[in-house]
Amino acid sequence: MKKLAILIVILLCTGFTSCVAFRYDTENIITPPKLTAQQNEIYEALTSTLELPFNLRYPKNGDFRSAFVINNLDSSKNGQAMVFYELKGVSQGEKAVLRINILDNSEGAWVSVDDIEGEGTDVDKILFIDTDAKYSISGEISHRKRFIVIGFYANNVTGIDEKLFKVYEYKNKKFQETYSNTYDILEKCRLHSNDEDELLYISSLTSESARSGEPIHPVSPENLNRGITTANLLRFDGKKLSLSDSVDMFDKVSGYYNISGGLIDNLRPALFLDGLVGVKTYVTEILTVSDGKLENVIYNKNINLINETERFKVINSMEINSDSSVMIPRLYPFPGYDRDDPDAVFYTYWTEYKNDRIEEIFKSYVDIKEGYIFIFPNGWTDNITAGYIEENSEVRFFELNEDLTKGKLLLSIRKINPDETDGLSNGYFRLNNAKNQYLAAKIETASADISVTEKEVRSLFKLIK
């Protein structure tokens, strides 16, 4: 499996995704953020402990982007802090470049209680996994065990940049490592429908290590050609997070660029993973738990629904109807166009996984650039086509003639600048509340059999979150 970082670079170059997983070093090109009063106290405590010059290191991804991560790690009344840093002028051969200092807040003062080596030179992300919850009579959590998961960027034996995560438990004021592995994707989830967190990671592995049931170790690039990619679920076993289950992922996916959580079959928690196959093919896989076991319901030994999730543009699987059901997009050219036509306009057929099948639910027009979805009203499904004007990001919907040419213009949706003279005064009504450029629609033909009202347009227009 190719590095996820490579995939993100490709998507960045095409303008289809943000830099959520793109790694670059900012410490030397921007001014570090100003410390808060609490962070200053921690910084001073660390400075007096180390007695050596150091640089703070900032996580690149995830919810925790500060070099100071303050959390309650052991259910005690005292808070703790983790500080990521590197000593100045110390090479990796002498001492690990990246280090983590753990401080405890005792009687209002921060005191360093542990200092451990990290991996490599950068932190990817930090996750907190809460398990073994106990509740009081009032329903409040009276006890829980919290594991700290830290993903690192680290060089493997071949010198290739890879990602490695470690699971720690804070016990007796010390960090104790309980699990580690390489990964491409690392996410917190709750696939077993209970109140305990789980840890899911996707990694490129050899067949032998994936089947062994033992902790899975990094593999060299030459082994990847004969290996497989697996999704692996860690769960609390009564003492620690341990490997509960592993399933194969589709072997032609080179990387995953979007992950979303939702429900399948109206009740089962699931993770939807959008991935890249080849150069311009995108697919979706779904991970869930069936009969207590992790399952890839799109691709497994009994079923292969990958082809039914394929599309040739980056449109993410997403929740559209606020019902926790995540839909998978399929793209088709409007009538009158071929897929390879440079002026082709495409509609999206949204599908759902239901009872071992991919079912088509409804059609829409999706504009990724402007960030919206317009769901087709009743009567439009097979009776319209469309055109697109790049200048104003304008899509025009037309009645479809029998010869597949454009008939009456029904509706236009476009971007409008506030200083345009024709703006809302020329029959357009506003669809969103953007301060600068905004989206507006205009009903062009009100007498057609399949015309729409302003109320319908507003109800069928949805911004992409």
Protein backbone atom coordinates (compact mmCIF):
# COMPACT_ATOMS: atom_id res chain seq x y z
CA MET A 1 0.00 0.00 0.00
CA LYS A 2 1.42 3.34 -0.98
CA LYS A 3 1.93 6.00 1.59
CA LEU A 4 -1.20 7.99 2.48
CA ALA A 5 0.90 11.14 2.41
CA ILE A 6 1.54 10.59 -1.31
CA LEU A 7 -2.19 10.31 -1.92
CA ILE A 8 -2.89 13.52 -0.03
CA VAL A 9 -0.32 15.37 -2.12
CA ILE A 10 -2.04 14.13 -5.28
CA LEU A 11 -5.43 15.31 -4.04
CA LEU A 12 -4.05 18.65 -2.94
CA CYS A 13 -2.63 19.21 -6.40
CA THR A 14 -6.05 18.58 -7.92
CA GLY A 15 -7.74 20.93 -5.44
CA PHE A 16 -10.21 18.39 -4.09
CA THR A 17 -9.24 18.14 -0.45
CA SER A 18 -7.85 20.18 2.38
CA CYS A 19 -4.47 19.57 3.96
CA VAL A 20 -5.80 17.59 6.91
CA ALA A 21 -3.13 14.94 6.55
CA PHE A 22 -0.46 16.81 4.61
CA ARG A 23 2.78 16.93 6.51
CA TYR A 24 5.14 19.85 6.42
CA ASP A 25 7.43 21.46 8.95
CA THR A 26 6.10 24.80 10.21
CA GLU A 27 8.39 25.38 13.17
CA ASN A 28 10.96 27.29 11.15
CA ILE A 29 8.65 29.28 8.89
CA ILE A 30 5.96 30.67 11.20
CA THR A 31 5.92 32.20 14.65
CA PRO A 32 4.75 29.64 17.27
CA PRO A 33 1.39 30.51 18.86
CA LYS A 34 1.46 32.66 21.98
CA LEU A 35 1.24 30.58 25.14
CA THR A 36 -1.67 30.86 27.53
CA ALA A 37 -1.11 31.55 31.24
CA GLN A 38 -1.51 27.84 32.04
CA GLN A 39 0.86 26.83 29.23
CA ASN A 40 3.41 29.35 30.50
CA GLU A 41 3.32 27.70 33.92
CA ILE A 42 3.90 24.30 32.32
CA TYR A 43 6.66 25.71 30.12
CA GLU A 44 8.47 27.18 33.11
CA ALA A 45 8.21 23.88 35.01
CA LEU A 46 9.62 22.00 32.03
CA THR A 47 12.44 24.53 31.56
CA SER A 48 13.54 24.16 35.17
CA THR A 49 13.42 20.36 34.87
CA LEU A 50 15.36 19.95 31.63
CA GLU A 51 17.98 22.65 32.22
CA LEU A 52 18.79 22.38 28.49
CA PRO A 53 17.56 24.43 25.52
CA PHE A 54 14.70 22.81 23.63
CA ASN A 55 12.17 23.40 20.85
CA LEU A 56 8.47 22.62 21.14
CA ARG A 57 7.03 20.20 18.58
CA TYR A 58 3.44 20.56 17.37
CA PRO A 59 1.18 17.68 16.24
CA LYS A 60 0.35 17.95 12.54
CA ASN A 61 -3.15 16.46 12.52
CA GLY A 62 -6.10 15.57 14.72
CA ASP A 63 -8.00 17.49 17.39
CA PHE A 64 -4.95 18.30 19.53
CA ARG A 65 -2.53 20.59 17.66
CA SER A 66 -0.71 22.19 20.59
CA ALA A 67 2.69 21.13 21.93
CA PHE A 68 0.92 21.24 25.33
CA VAL A 69 -1.83 18.64 25.70
CA ILE A 70 -3.63 19.02 29.04
CA ASN A 71 -5.91 16.19 30.11
CA ASN A 72 -6.96 14.03 33.04
CA LEU A 73 -5.09 10.84 32.25
CA ASP A 74 -5.81 8.69 35.32
CA SER A 75 -9.24 9.65 36.72
CA SER A 76 -7.58 11.41 39.66
CA LYS A 77 -8.44 14.92 40.77
CA ASN A 78 -5.10 16.16 39.48
CA GLY A 79 -4.76 17.14 35.84
CA GLN A 80 -1.79 16.11 33.71
CA ALA A 81 0.00 17.65 30.77
CA MET A 82 2.05 16.20 27.94
CA VAL A 83 4.64 18.41 26.29
CA PHE A 84 6.24 17.46 22.96
CA TYR A 85 9.73 18.81 22.49
CA GLU A 86 13.20 18.21 21.06
CA LEU A 87 16.50 19.10 22.65
CA LYS A 88 18.53 21.58 20.64
CA GLY A 89 21.80 20.36 19.17
CA VAL A 90 21.20 16.67 19.99
CA SER A 91 21.40 14.18 17.14
CA GLN A 92 19.12 11.18 16.86
CA GLY A 93 22.04 8.82 17.45
CA GLU A 94 22.76 10.36 20.85
CA LYS A 95 19.20 10.63 22.10
CA ALA A 96 15.75 10.42 20.53
CA VAL A 97 15.08 13.75 18.83
CA LEU A 98 11.40 13.81 19.79
CA ARG A 99 10.59 13.50 23.48
CA ILE A 100 7.48 13.70 25.65
CA ASN A 101 7.52 15.14 29.14
CA ILE A 102 4.62 14.36 31.45
CA LEU A 103 3.75 16.82 34.19
CA ASP A 104 1.28 16.42 37.06
CA ASN A 105 -0.62 19.24 38.66
CA SER A 106 -0.02 18.70 42.36
CA GLU A 107 -1.50 21.24 44.78
CA GLY A 108 -1.73 23.86 42.06
CA ALA A 109 1.84 23.50 40.79
CA TRP A 110 3.05 21.66 37.70
CA VAL A 111 5.72 19.04 38.43
CA SER A 112 7.52 16.88 35.87
CA VAL A 113 6.96 13.21 36.74
CA ASP A 114 8.14 11.34 33.64
CA ASP A 115 10.06 11.88 30.40
CA ILE A 116 10.00 9.36 27.55
CA GLU A 117 11.40 8.95 24.08
CA GLY A 118 9.08 9.38 21.15
CA GLU A 119 9.67 8.18 17.59
CA GLY A 120 11.21 10.09 14.71
CA THR A 121 10.96 13.86 14.71
CA ASP A 122 7.25 14.70 14.41
CA VAL A 123 3.88 13.91 15.97
CA ASP A 124 1.04 13.04 13.61
CA LYS A 125 -1.95 12.94 15.96
CA ILE A 126 -3.12 12.21 19.51
CA LEU A 127 -6.18 10.20 20.55
CA PHE A 128 -7.65 9.40 23.96
CA ILE A 129 -9.40 6.04 24.29
CA ASP A 130 -11.82 5.73 27.24
CA THR A 131 -12.78 2.24 28.44
CA ASP A 132 -13.99 0.31 31.51
CA ALA A 133 -16.47 3.01 32.53
CA LYS A 134 -18.19 2.70 35.90
CA TYR A 135 -21.23 4.82 36.78
CA SER A 136 -22.57 6.25 40.01
CA ILE A 137 -26.21 6.04 41.04
CA SER A 138 -26.75 9.51 39.57
CA GLY A 139 -25.53 8.29 36.19
CA GLU A 140 -22.20 10.12 36.24
CA ILE A 141 -18.96 8.33 35.38
CA SER A 142 -17.23 7.43 38.65
CA HIS A 143 -14.33 5.54 37.09
CA ARG A 144 -12.81 4.95 33.69
CA LYS A 145 -9.52 3.82 32.22
CA ARG A 146 -8.00 6.18 29.68
CA PHE A 147 -5.36 5.13 27.16
CA ILE A 148 -3.23 7.65 25.31
CA VAL A 149 -2.53 6.95 21.64
CA ILE A 150 0.21 8.94 19.91
CA GLY A 151 0.96 8.66 16.20
CA PHE A 152 4.51 9.52 15.12
CA TYR A 153 6.29 10.13 11.85
CA ALA A 154 9.28 7.80 11.90
CA ASN A 155 11.89 6.52 9.44
CA ASN A 156 11.94 2.74 9.02
CA VAL A 157 15.03 0.63 8.40
CA THR A 158 14.95 1.46 4.69
CA GLY A 159 14.91 5.21 5.36
CA ILE A 160 11.35 5.63 4.07
CA ASP A 161 9.09 7.95 6.07
CA GLU A 162 6.26 5.99 7.70
CA LYS A 163 3.83 6.39 10.57
CA LEU A 164 4.00 4.49 13.85
CA PHE A 165 1.56 4.69 16.76
CA LYS A 166 2.06 3.76 20.38
CA VAL A 167 -0.56 3.13 23.06
CA TYR A 168 0.31 4.30 26.58
CA GLU A 169 -1.30 3.99 29.98
CA TYR A 170 -0.54 6.60 32.66
CA LYS A 171 -0.06 4.59 35.83
CA ASN A 172 1.74 5.48 39.05
CA LYS A 173 2.77 8.74 37.41
CA LYS A 174 4.59 6.91 34.61
CA PHE A 175 3.83 6.32 30.93
CA GLN A 176 3.71 2.59 30.22
CA GLU A 177 3.70 1.50 26.56
CA THR A 178 1.20 -1.32 25.92
CA TYR A 179 0.99 -1.62 22.11
CA SER A 180 2.61 -0.26 18.95
CA ASN A 181 2.37 -0.68 15.20
CA THR A 182 2.78 1.07 11.89
CA TYR A 183 -0.32 2.58 10.30
CA ASP A 184 -1.75 4.54 7.41
CA ILE A 185 -5.10 5.37 9.05
CA LEU A 186 -5.65 5.75 12.82
CA GLU A 187 -9.12 6.50 14.20
CA LYS A 188 -11.13 6.28 17.41
CA CYS A 189 -14.49 4.56 17.01
CA ARG A 190 -17.33 2.72 18.77
CA LEU A 191 -18.34 -0.10 16.43
CA HIS A 192 -19.73 -2.37 19.15
CA SER A 193 -22.60 0.01 20.03
CA ASN A 194 -21.52 0.46 23.63
CA ASP A 195 -20.01 3.27 25.69
CA GLU A 196 -16.40 2.15 25.28
CA ASP A 197 -13.99 3.63 22.78
CA GLU A 198 -12.11 1.39 20.37
CA LEU A 199 -9.06 2.04 18.22
CA LEU A 200 -9.05 1.20 14.52
CA TYR A 201 -5.94 1.31 12.39
CA ILE A 202 -5.31 0.38 8.78
CA SER A 203 -1.88 -0.90 7.91
CA SER A 204 0.01 -2.60 5.09
CA LEU A 205 1.03 -6.04 6.29
CA THR A 206 2.40 -9.38 5.13
CA SER A 207 -0.09 -12.20 4.93
CA GLU A 208 1.81 -14.23 7.51
CA SER A 209 1.78 -11.53 10.19
CA ALA A 210 -1.84 -10.59 9.53
CA ARG A 211 -3.00 -14.18 10.05
CA SER A 212 -0.84 -14.97 13.06
CA GLY A 213 -2.95 -13.23 15.70
CA GLU A 214 0.26 -11.83 17.17
CA PRO A 215 1.15 -8.11 17.30
CA ILE A 216 1.82 -7.03 13.74
CA HIS A 217 5.23 -5.62 12.90
CA PRO A 218 6.36 -3.19 10.19
CA VAL A 219 7.18 -4.69 6.81
CA SER A 220 9.73 -3.58 4.23
CA PRO A 221 8.61 -2.03 0.90
CA GLU A 222 9.61 -5.16 -1.04
CA ASN A 223 7.22 -7.22 1.08
CA LEU A 224 4.27 -4.97 0.30
CA ASN A 225 4.02 -6.44 -3.20
CA ARG A 226 3.13 -9.83 -1.71
CA GLY A 227 1.29 -8.47 1.30
CA ILE A 228 -2.21 -7.29 2.10
CA THR A 229 -3.79 -4.27 3.71
CA THR A 230 -5.86 -4.88 6.82
CA ALA A 231 -8.14 -2.97 9.13
CA ASN A 232 -7.36 -3.84 12.75
CA LEU A 233 -9.52 -3.20 15.80
CA LEU A 234 -8.11 -2.77 19.32
CA ARG A 235 -10.48 -3.25 22.26
CA PHE A 236 -10.15 -3.25 26.03
CA ASP A 237 -9.54 -6.83 27.23
CA GLY A 238 -9.93 -6.09 30.95
CA LYS A 239 -6.36 -4.87 31.36
CA LYS A 240 -5.20 -3.12 28.22
CA LEU A 241 -6.05 -2.39 24.59
CA SER A 242 -5.34 -5.52 22.58
CA LEU A 243 -5.92 -6.69 19.01
CA SER A 244 -9.49 -7.93 18.81
CA ASP A 245 -9.94 -8.56 15.11
CA SER A 246 -8.51 -7.90 11.63
CA VAL A 247 -10.13 -7.90 8.19
CA ASP A 248 -8.76 -7.51 4.69
CA MET A 249 -9.27 -4.28 2.79
CA PHE A 250 -9.59 -3.99 -1.00
CA ASP A 251 -6.10 -4.73 -2.25
CA LYS A 252 -6.11 -2.21 -5.12
CA VAL A 253 -6.69 0.86 -2.91
CA SER A 254 -3.52 2.94 -2.71
CA GLY A 255 -4.75 5.16 0.14
CA TYR A 256 -7.81 6.50 1.96
CA TYR A 257 -8.61 10.20 1.84
CA ASN A 258 -11.90 10.46 3.75
CA ILE A 259 -13.43 8.62 6.72
CA SER A 260 -16.92 9.21 8.09
CA GLY A 261 -18.99 7.47 10.74
CA GLY A 262 -22.66 6.57 10.45
CA LEU A 263 -25.19 3.76 10.55
CA ILE A 264 -26.02 0.92 8.19
CA ASP A 265 -29.26 -1.06 8.19
CA ASN A 266 -30.62 1.80 10.36
CA LEU A 267 -28.92 0.60 13.53
CA ARG A 268 -25.36 -0.72 13.13
CA PRO A 269 -22.48 1.74 13.68
CA ALA A 270 -20.07 1.76 10.74
CA LEU A 271 -17.05 3.53 9.30
CA PHE A 272 -17.13 4.57 5.64
CA LEU A 273 -13.70 4.81 4.00
CA ASP A 274 -13.27 6.53 0.65
CA GLY A 275 -10.13 5.43 -1.18
CA LEU A 276 -8.21 5.91 -4.41
CA VAL A 277 -7.71 3.10 -6.92
CA GLY A 278 -5.25 3.77 -9.72
CA VAL A 279 -5.18 7.37 -10.93
CA LYS A 280 -8.81 8.50 -11.16
CA THR A 281 -11.05 5.85 -9.64
CA TYR A 282 -12.55 6.30 -6.18
CA VAL A 283 -14.31 3.64 -4.13
CA THR A 284 -15.88 3.22 -0.70
CA GLU A 285 -15.51 0.41 1.83
CA ILE A 286 -17.61 -0.02 4.97
CA LEU A 287 -16.36 -1.45 8.25
CA THR A 288 -18.83 -2.61 10.88
CA VAL A 289 -19.26 -5.35 13.48
CA SER A 290 -21.38 -8.41 12.72
CA ASP A 291 -21.95 -11.10 15.36
CA GLY A 292 -19.20 -9.52 17.44
CA LYS A 293 -16.61 -9.65 14.63
CA LEU A 294 -15.14 -6.85 12.50
CA GLU A 295 -16.39 -7.06 8.92
CA ASN A 296 -15.80 -5.27 5.63
CA VAL A 297 -19.30 -5.53 4.17
CA ILE A 298 -18.24 -4.20 0.77
CA TYR A 299 -15.27 -6.50 0.22
CA ASN A 300 -14.85 -9.93 1.83
CA LYS A 301 -14.55 -13.60 0.92
CA ASN A 302 -18.30 -13.88 0.32
CA ILE A 303 -19.09 -10.62 -1.44
CA ASN A 304 -17.48 -7.91 -3.59
CA LEU A 305 -19.51 -4.73 -4.04
CA ILE A 306 -16.53 -2.50 -4.84
CA ASN A 307 -17.63 -1.88 -8.44
CA GLU A 308 -20.96 -0.57 -7.18
CA THR A 309 -19.21 2.21 -5.25
CA GLU A 310 -16.88 3.37 -8.06
CA ARG A 311 -16.80 6.95 -9.30
CA PHE A 312 -14.26 8.93 -11.32
CA LYS A 313 -14.30 12.19 -9.35
CA VAL A 314 -13.64 12.98 -5.69
CA ILE A 315 -17.04 13.19 -4.04
CA ASN A 316 -17.00 11.93 -0.47
CA SER A 317 -19.45 9.57 1.11
CA MET A 318 -21.53 11.71 3.46
CA GLU A 319 -24.63 12.02 5.61
CA ILE A 320 -27.21 14.08 3.74
CA ASN A 321 -30.56 13.69 5.52
CA SER A 322 -29.41 14.17 9.15
CA ASP A 323 -30.42 10.59 9.97
CA SER A 324 -26.90 9.17 10.58
CA SER A 325 -27.13 7.18 7.33
CA VAL A 326 -24.05 7.79 5.20
CA MET A 327 -24.61 7.70 1.45
CA ILE A 328 -22.17 6.64 -1.25
CA PRO A 329 -22.07 8.72 -4.47
CA ARG A 330 -22.07 7.40 -8.06
CA LEU A 331 -21.49 9.77 -11.00
CA TYR A 332 -23.16 9.69 -14.43
CA PRO A 333 -23.22 12.16 -17.33
CA PHE A 334 -26.48 14.00 -17.93
CA PRO A 335 -28.39 12.85 -21.04
CA GLY A 336 -26.83 14.27 -24.17
CA TYR A 337 -23.24 13.94 -22.94
CA ASP A 338 -20.60 11.24 -23.07
CA ARG A 339 -18.40 10.72 -20.05
CA ASP A 340 -15.28 11.82 -21.97
CA ASP A 341 -16.90 14.96 -23.40
CA PRO A 342 -14.84 17.95 -22.14
CA ASP A 343 -18.06 19.93 -21.59
CA ALA A 344 -19.92 17.06 -19.91
CA VAL A 345 -22.02 17.83 -16.83
CA PHE A 346 -22.59 15.04 -14.32
CA TYR A 347 -25.29 14.17 -11.84
CA THR A 348 -24.80 12.10 -8.69
CA TYR A 349 -26.86 9.05 -7.79
CA TRP A 350 -26.72 8.63 -4.00
CA THR A 351 -26.77 5.04 -2.79
CA GLU A 352 -26.99 3.23 0.54
CA TYR A 353 -25.77 -0.12 1.77
CA LYS A 354 -28.77 -2.18 2.84
CA ASN A 355 -28.93 -5.91 3.55
CA ASP A 356 -25.85 -6.91 1.54
CA ARG A 357 -26.81 -4.70 -1.41
CA ILE A 358 -26.09 -1.21 -2.69
CA GLU A 359 -29.45 0.50 -3.31
CA GLU A 360 -29.97 3.68 -5.33
CA ILE A 361 -31.86 6.28 -3.29
CA PHE A 362 -32.04 9.62 -5.14
CA LYS A 363 -30.32 11.79 -7.74
CA SER A 364 -28.76 15.20 -7.26
CA TYR A 365 -26.37 17.74 -8.69
CA VAL A 366 -23.21 18.19 -6.60
CA ASP A 367 -20.90 21.19 -6.87
CA ILE A 368 -17.76 20.40 -4.86
CA LYS A 369 -16.10 23.72 -5.71
CA GLU A 370 -18.99 25.82 -4.36
CA GLY A 371 -19.87 23.28 -1.66
CA TYR A 372 -23.51 22.36 -2.21
CA ILE A 373 -25.91 19.59 -3.22
CA PHE A 374 -29.18 20.13 -5.08
CA ILE A 375 -31.49 17.12 -4.82
CA PHE A 376 -33.68 16.58 -7.87
CA PRO A 377 -37.38 17.20 -7.23
CA ASN A 378 -40.06 14.70 -8.19
CA GLY A 379 -40.44 14.46 -11.95
CA TRP A 380 -36.85 15.39 -12.73
CA THR A 381 -35.24 11.96 -12.51
CA ASP A 382 -35.29 11.05 -16.22
CA ASN A 383 -36.63 14.25 -17.76
CA ILE A 384 -33.86 16.83 -17.50
CA THR A 385 -30.35 17.63 -18.65
CA ALA A 386 -27.96 20.42 -17.68
CA GLY A 387 -25.32 22.87 -18.80
CA TYR A 388 -22.52 24.60 -16.92
CA ILE A 389 -20.95 28.07 -17.23
CA GLU A 390 -17.53 28.19 -15.58
CA GLU A 391 -17.34 31.97 -15.11
CA ASN A 392 -20.05 32.20 -12.44
CA SER A 393 -20.06 28.53 -11.42
CA GLU A 394 -23.54 28.47 -12.93
CA VAL A 395 -25.47 25.28 -13.56
CA ARG A 396 -28.58 25.43 -15.75
CA PHE A 397 -31.22 22.71 -15.72
CA PHE A 398 -33.28 22.12 -18.89
CA GLU A 399 -36.19 19.98 -19.94
CA LEU A 400 -34.93 17.01 -21.94
CA ASN A 401 -36.18 16.72 -25.51
CA GLU A 402 -36.79 13.33 -27.09
CA ASP A 403 -33.63 13.70 -29.18
CA LEU A 404 -31.63 14.30 -25.95
CA THR A 405 -31.15 18.01 -26.68
CA LYS A 406 -31.90 20.83 -24.26
CA GLY A 407 -35.47 22.06 -24.06
CA LYS A 408 -36.93 24.81 -21.87
CA LEU A 409 -34.65 26.29 -19.23
CA LEU A 410 -36.11 25.41 -15.82
CA LEU A 411 -33.71 26.59 -13.13
CA SER A 412 -30.36 28.30 -12.73
CA ILE A 413 -28.07 28.16 -9.68
CA ARG A 414 -25.02 30.39 -9.66
CA LYS A 415 -22.52 32.32 -7.61
CA ILE A 416 -23.21 36.05 -7.27
CA ASN A 417 -20.90 38.82 -6.11
CA PRO A 418 -22.49 41.46 -3.84
CA ASP A 419 -21.50 44.26 -6.23
CA GLU A 420 -23.25 42.71 -9.25
CA THR A 421 -26.02 44.96 -10.50
CA ASP A 422 -28.21 42.09 -11.67
CA GLY A 423 -27.92 40.17 -8.33
CA LEU A 424 -31.13 39.52 -6.46
CA SER A 425 -32.96 42.24 -8.40
CA ASN A 426 -32.98 40.11 -11.54
CA GLY A 427 -35.18 37.30 -10.26
CA TYR A 428 -32.57 35.47 -8.18
CA PHE A 429 -33.21 34.47 -4.59
CA ARG A 430 -30.44 33.84 -2.13
CA LEU A 431 -29.67 30.28 -0.96
CA ASN A 432 -26.93 30.73 1.62
CA ASN A 433 -25.67 33.36 4.05
CA ALA A 434 -22.09 33.84 2.89
CA LYS A 435 -20.83 37.37 3.57
CA ASN A 436 -19.00 37.81 0.28
CA GLN A 437 -19.89 35.70 -2.73
CA TYR A 438 -23.14 33.83 -2.24
CA LEU A 439 -25.22 31.26 -4.06
CA ALA A 440 -28.56 32.15 -5.58
CA ALA A 441 -31.19 30.48 -7.74
CA LYS A 442 -33.61 31.67 -10.40
CA ILE A 443 -36.70 29.85 -11.61
CA GLU A 444 -36.62 30.35 -15.35
CA THR A 445 -39.79 28.58 -16.53
CA ALA A 446 -42.77 28.40 -14.22
CA SER A 447 -45.25 26.88 -16.67
CA ALA A 448 -43.40 23.67 -17.52
CA ASP A 449 -44.83 20.36 -16.37
CA ILE A 450 -41.73 19.73 -14.26
CA SER A 451 -41.08 23.25 -13.02
CA VAL A 452 -40.24 23.90 -9.37
CA THR A 453 -41.22 26.50 -6.80
CA GLU A 454 -38.91 28.65 -4.70
CA LYS A 455 -40.00 26.69 -1.61
CA GLU A 456 -39.00 23.40 -3.26
CA VAL A 457 -35.64 24.75 -4.37
CA ARG A 458 -34.80 25.96 -0.87
CA SER A 459 -35.78 22.63 0.70
CA LEU A 460 -33.74 20.60 -1.81
CA PHE A 461 -30.60 22.76 -1.61
CA LYS A 462 -28.05 21.60 0.98
CA LEU A 463 -24.61 22.91 1.84
CA ILE A 464 -21.84 20.35 2.14
CA LYS A 465 -20.47 20.34 5.68
